[in-house]
Amino acid sequence: MMKSPFPSYHPNLIHEPTLYRLDEAVMHYGESIKEITNEEFGNGM
């Protein structure tokens, strides 16, 4: 408990085409998704 957890993944996992595209979509559209979520559900989401 002295060290905070660090989320990680296998380095070859990002080479999976589906996961790569999903990661790319979240990177590009993350702010828009956040704005829509805040508009629908409020800032507490």
C-alpha atoms as a PDB file:
ATOM      1  CA  MET A   1       0.000   0.000   0.000  1.00  0.00           C
ATOM      2  CA  MET A   2       3.029   2.258  -0.070  1.00  0.00           C
ATOM      3  CA  LYS A   3       2.913   2.572  -3.839  1.00  0.00           C
ATOM      4  CA  SER A   4      -0.123   3.644  -5.854  1.00  0.00           C
ATOM      5  CA  PRO A   5      -1.420   1.130  -8.408  1.00  0.00           C
ATOM      6  CA  PHE A   6      -0.344   1.664 -11.984  1.00  0.00           C
ATOM      7  CA  PRO A   7      -2.686   0.365 -14.687  1.00  0.00           C
ATOM      8  CA  SER A   8      -0.824  -1.334 -17.478  1.00  0.00           C
ATOM      9  CA  TYR A   9      -1.391  -3.707 -20.351  1.00  0.00           C
ATOM     10  CA  HIS A  10       0.627  -6.123 -22.390  1.00  0.00           C
ATOM     11  CA  PRO A  11       2.717  -4.173 -24.955  1.00  0.00           C
ATOM     12  CA  ASN A  12       1.479  -6.339 -27.834  1.00  0.00           C
ATOM     13  CA  LEU A  13      -2.170  -5.769 -26.935  1.00  0.00           C
ATOM     14  CA  ILE A  14      -2.289  -2.316 -28.539  1.00  0.00           C
ATOM     15  CA  HIS A  15      -1.324  -3.957 -31.855  1.00  0.00           C
ATOM     16  CA  GLU A  16      -4.703  -5.707 -31.924  1.00  0.00           C
ATOM     17  CA  PRO A  17      -6.571  -3.739 -34.664  1.00  0.00           C
ATOM     18  CA  THR A  18      -9.873  -3.468 -32.793  1.00  0.00           C
ATOM     19  CA  LEU A  19      -8.271  -2.218 -29.595  1.00  0.00           C
ATOM     20  CA  TYR A  20      -6.013   0.143 -31.521  1.00  0.00           C
ATOM     21  CA  ARG A  21      -9.022   1.725 -33.270  1.00  0.00           C
ATOM     22  CA  LEU A  22     -10.961   1.964 -29.988  1.00  0.00           C
ATOM     23  CA  ASP A  23      -7.988   3.647 -28.311  1.00  0.00           C
ATOM     24  CA  GLU A  24      -7.659   6.016 -31.273  1.00  0.00           C
ATOM     25  CA  ALA A  25     -11.377   6.897 -31.152  1.00  0.00           C
ATOM     26  CA  VAL A  26     -11.259   7.656 -27.431  1.00  0.00           C
ATOM     27  CA  MET A  27      -8.142   9.776 -27.946  1.00  0.00           C
ATOM     28  CA  HIS A  28      -9.763  11.847 -30.690  1.00  0.00           C
ATOM     29  CA  TYR A  29     -13.350  12.020 -29.442  1.00  0.00           C
ATOM     30  CA  GLY A  30     -12.823  11.834 -25.673  1.00  0.00           C
ATOM     31  CA  GLU A  31     -13.600  15.506 -25.033  1.00  0.00           C
ATOM     32  CA  SER A  32     -16.800  15.337 -27.107  1.00  0.00           C
ATOM     33  CA  ILE A  33     -17.932  12.177 -25.311  1.00  0.00           C
ATOM     34  CA  LYS A  34     -17.234  13.896 -21.978  1.00  0.00           C
ATOM     35  CA  GLU A  35     -19.289  16.961 -22.971  1.00  0.00           C
ATOM     36  CA  ILE A  36     -22.246  14.834 -24.109  1.00  0.00           C
ATOM     37  CA  THR A  37     -22.087  12.773 -20.904  1.00  0.00           C
ATOM     38  CA  ASN A  38     -22.015  15.928 -18.773  1.00  0.00           C
ATOM     39  CA  GLU A  39     -24.945  17.377 -20.719  1.00  0.00           C
ATOM     40  CA  GLU A  40     -27.052  14.239 -20.283  1.00  0.00           C
ATOM     41  CA  PHE A  41     -26.118  13.180 -16.736  1.00  0.00           C
ATOM     42  CA  GLY A  42     -24.539  16.225 -15.112  1.00  0.00           C
ATOM     43  CA  ASN A  43     -21.009  16.860 -13.931  1.00  0.00           C
ATOM     44  CA  GLY A  44     -21.145  14.225 -11.189  1.00  0.00           C
ATOM     45  CA  MET A  45     -20.793  11.360 -13.636  1.00  0.00           C
END
